[in-house]
Protein backbone atom coordinates (compact mmCIF):
# COMPACT_ATOMS: atom_id res chain seq x y z
CA MET A 1 -53.87 33.45 -179.81
CA LEU A 2 -50.86 33.60 -182.56
CA LEU A 3 -48.27 34.37 -180.51
CA ALA A 4 -49.27 31.12 -177.87
CA LEU A 5 -49.80 28.96 -181.40
CA GLY A 6 -46.19 29.68 -182.29
CA ALA A 7 -44.50 29.33 -179.25
CA CYS A 8 -46.16 26.24 -179.79
CA ASN A 9 -45.05 24.73 -182.64
CA ARG A 10 -41.49 26.77 -181.57
CA ALA A 11 -41.54 24.39 -178.62
CA ALA A 12 -42.35 21.04 -180.68
CA LYS A 13 -40.53 21.56 -183.08
CA ALA A 14 -37.10 21.59 -180.57
CA GLU A 15 -35.41 18.66 -179.93
CA ALA A 16 -37.41 16.18 -177.40
CA ALA A 17 -34.15 15.67 -175.56
CA PRO A 18 -33.43 18.72 -173.46
CA ALA A 19 -37.06 18.18 -172.91
CA ALA A 20 -36.35 14.76 -171.42
CA ASP A 21 -33.19 16.37 -169.57
CA ALA A 22 -34.76 19.24 -168.38
CA GLY A 23 -36.78 17.19 -166.54
CA ALA A 24 -34.68 14.34 -165.05
CA ALA A 25 -32.27 18.01 -164.06
CA SER A 26 -34.85 19.37 -162.33
CA ALA A 27 -35.88 16.55 -159.72
CA SER A 28 -32.15 15.51 -159.63
CA GLN A 29 -32.27 19.24 -158.49
CA ALA A 30 -34.37 18.85 -155.83
CA GLY A 31 -33.22 15.91 -154.24
CA GLN A 32 -35.54 14.10 -151.80
CA ALA A 33 -38.32 16.45 -153.25
CA ALA A 34 -38.86 14.26 -155.77
CA ALA A 35 -40.36 11.67 -153.51
CA PRO A 36 -43.22 13.14 -152.80
CA ALA A 37 -44.73 13.43 -156.04
CA GLN A 38 -43.89 10.02 -156.70
CA ASN A 39 -47.67 8.38 -157.63
CA THR A 40 -49.44 12.20 -157.29
CA ARG A 41 -52.31 11.86 -159.77
CA MET A 42 -52.59 14.91 -162.45
CA VAL A 43 -54.30 15.00 -164.62
CA VAL A 44 -53.38 17.41 -167.51
CA TYR A 45 -56.12 19.21 -170.38
CA LYS A 46 -54.57 20.20 -173.42
CA THR A 47 -55.34 20.48 -177.06
CA PRO A 48 -54.20 17.75 -179.49
CA SER A 49 -51.71 19.54 -182.00
CA CYS A 50 -49.61 21.32 -178.45
CA GLY A 51 -46.17 19.95 -178.66
CA CYS A 52 -45.66 22.32 -175.64
CA CYS A 53 -47.92 20.76 -173.70
CA ARG A 54 -46.70 17.54 -174.12
CA ALA A 55 -42.73 18.79 -173.85
CA TRP A 56 -44.45 20.13 -169.85
CA VAL A 57 -45.46 16.52 -169.61
CA ASP A 58 -42.83 14.51 -170.24
CA HIS A 59 -41.38 17.31 -167.91
CA VAL A 60 -43.93 16.59 -165.09
CA GLN A 61 -44.03 12.81 -165.69
CA ALA A 62 -40.41 12.47 -165.02
CA ALA A 63 -40.45 13.40 -161.88
CA GLY A 64 -42.68 11.26 -160.58
CA PHE A 65 -46.40 12.66 -161.29
CA GLU A 66 -48.62 9.83 -162.80
CA VAL A 67 -50.31 11.86 -165.30
CA GLU A 68 -53.72 10.92 -167.33
CA VAL A 69 -54.19 13.45 -170.30
CA HIS A 70 -57.42 14.76 -172.26
CA ASP A 71 -56.78 15.96 -175.37
CA VAL A 72 -59.64 18.49 -175.89
CA PRO A 73 -60.84 21.12 -178.55
CA ASN A 74 -61.30 23.72 -176.34
CA VAL A 75 -59.44 23.92 -172.43
CA GLN A 76 -61.06 26.96 -171.98
CA PRO A 77 -64.36 25.79 -169.68
CA VAL A 78 -62.09 23.25 -167.51
CA LYS A 79 -60.47 26.31 -166.44
CA ASP A 80 -63.73 28.54 -166.27
CA GLU A 81 -65.04 25.62 -164.62
CA HIS A 82 -62.25 26.36 -161.75
CA GLY A 83 -61.84 29.69 -161.80
CA LEU A 84 -58.77 30.60 -163.41
CA PRO A 85 -58.37 34.55 -164.15
CA GLY A 86 -58.13 35.45 -166.95
CA HIS A 87 -55.24 37.18 -167.96
CA LEU A 88 -53.03 34.39 -165.91
CA ALA A 89 -54.58 31.61 -168.94
CA SER A 90 -51.56 29.40 -170.59
CA CYS A 91 -51.87 26.49 -173.49
CA HIS A 92 -52.69 23.40 -170.54
CA THR A 93 -54.29 22.98 -167.48
CA ALA A 94 -53.79 20.92 -164.84
CA ILE A 95 -55.79 19.69 -161.48
CA VAL A 96 -52.70 17.97 -158.86
CA ASP A 97 -54.94 17.46 -155.46
CA GLY A 98 -57.64 19.86 -155.70
CA TYR A 99 -55.22 22.62 -157.05
CA VAL A 100 -55.05 23.88 -160.49
CA VAL A 101 -52.23 23.84 -162.16
CA GLU A 102 -51.48 26.64 -165.39
CA GLY A 103 -49.11 25.98 -167.66
CA HIS A 104 -45.40 25.66 -167.71
CA VAL A 105 -44.67 25.41 -163.77
CA PRO A 106 -42.12 23.29 -162.91
CA ALA A 107 -42.41 20.26 -161.50
CA ASP A 108 -40.09 21.26 -158.27
CA VAL A 109 -42.58 24.66 -157.22
CA ILE A 110 -45.76 21.87 -157.71
CA ARG A 111 -44.17 19.61 -155.72
CA ARG A 112 -43.50 22.31 -153.05
CA MET A 113 -47.71 23.65 -153.02
CA LEU A 114 -48.83 19.71 -152.30
CA ARG A 115 -45.88 20.34 -149.15
CA GLU A 116 -46.88 23.48 -148.46
CA ARG A 117 -50.73 23.28 -149.28
CA PRO A 118 -51.47 27.09 -149.62
CA GLN A 119 -54.58 28.81 -148.96
CA VAL A 120 -54.90 29.30 -152.92
CA ALA A 121 -57.55 27.38 -155.66
CA GLY A 122 -54.07 26.91 -158.06
CA ILE A 123 -50.52 28.24 -159.52
CA ALA A 124 -50.09 29.37 -163.04
CA VAL A 125 -46.86 30.34 -165.01
CA PRO A 126 -49.02 33.01 -167.44
CA GLY A 127 -48.12 32.55 -171.07
CA MET A 128 -45.50 30.47 -172.73
CA PRO A 129 -41.40 31.60 -170.97
CA VAL A 130 -39.04 30.73 -173.10
CA GLY A 131 -36.12 28.33 -170.47
CA SER A 132 -39.62 26.92 -168.65
CA PRO A 133 -40.50 23.31 -168.64
CA GLY A 134 -42.45 22.28 -172.04
CA MET A 135 -40.35 25.93 -173.23
CA GLU A 136 -37.18 25.03 -173.78
CA VAL A 137 -35.54 26.17 -176.48
CA PRO A 138 -31.54 25.12 -178.09
CA GLY A 139 -29.27 27.29 -176.33
CA GLY A 140 -31.14 27.12 -173.25
CA ARG A 141 -32.50 30.66 -173.25
CA LYS A 142 -34.46 31.24 -169.72
CA ASP A 143 -36.74 34.80 -169.74
CA PRO A 144 -37.69 35.30 -166.13
CA TYR A 145 -40.96 34.42 -164.92
CA ASP A 146 -43.30 34.16 -161.78
CA VAL A 147 -45.01 31.46 -160.45
CA ILE A 148 -49.16 32.94 -159.84
CA ALA A 149 -50.36 32.31 -157.09
CA PHE A 150 -54.45 32.73 -157.40
CA SER A 151 -57.25 31.62 -155.74
CA ARG A 152 -60.87 32.03 -156.30
CA ASP A 153 -62.09 36.05 -155.38
CA GLY A 154 -59.13 36.64 -157.88
CA LYS A 155 -56.67 37.33 -155.13
CA VAL A 156 -53.41 36.85 -157.34
CA SER A 157 -49.88 36.71 -155.40
CA VAL A 158 -46.21 35.77 -156.27
CA TYR A 159 -45.36 32.26 -154.96
CA GLU A 160 -42.49 32.11 -156.79
CA SER A 161 -40.52 33.21 -159.41
CA ARG A 162 -37.32 32.43 -161.66
């Protein structure tokens, strides 16, 4: 938990402009794929003090998602209610069109999931990988990470690698 808090604080201290630029870049790189996300409603649960969560919300909003944010003192009950496996947890949880989106999942991957409609409970980016949306750092460093698809019965698979 201390690592996660440190990462959130680091992201909160980073300039807001790179996060916004990253969201815009993702939307423009996706080209026409940005259109399906227009007016797609997403509900995000996060703690009030998490700066990287706010940066991720900015990223998905820039990509065209309509976001309703709920600041809660503890996000774990939401994760439990939606069957998120503990090893896939991150700092915020979103619900979009019946799917769970956990952590710093790029907006274009969310759009892909909504377009493909896989038979999964959701997708997750476990932990807080440096360079993922909301976790940008000065200098542009990006660590590799996987977006994991998961089902309610505990099955997991790599949905996409970045």
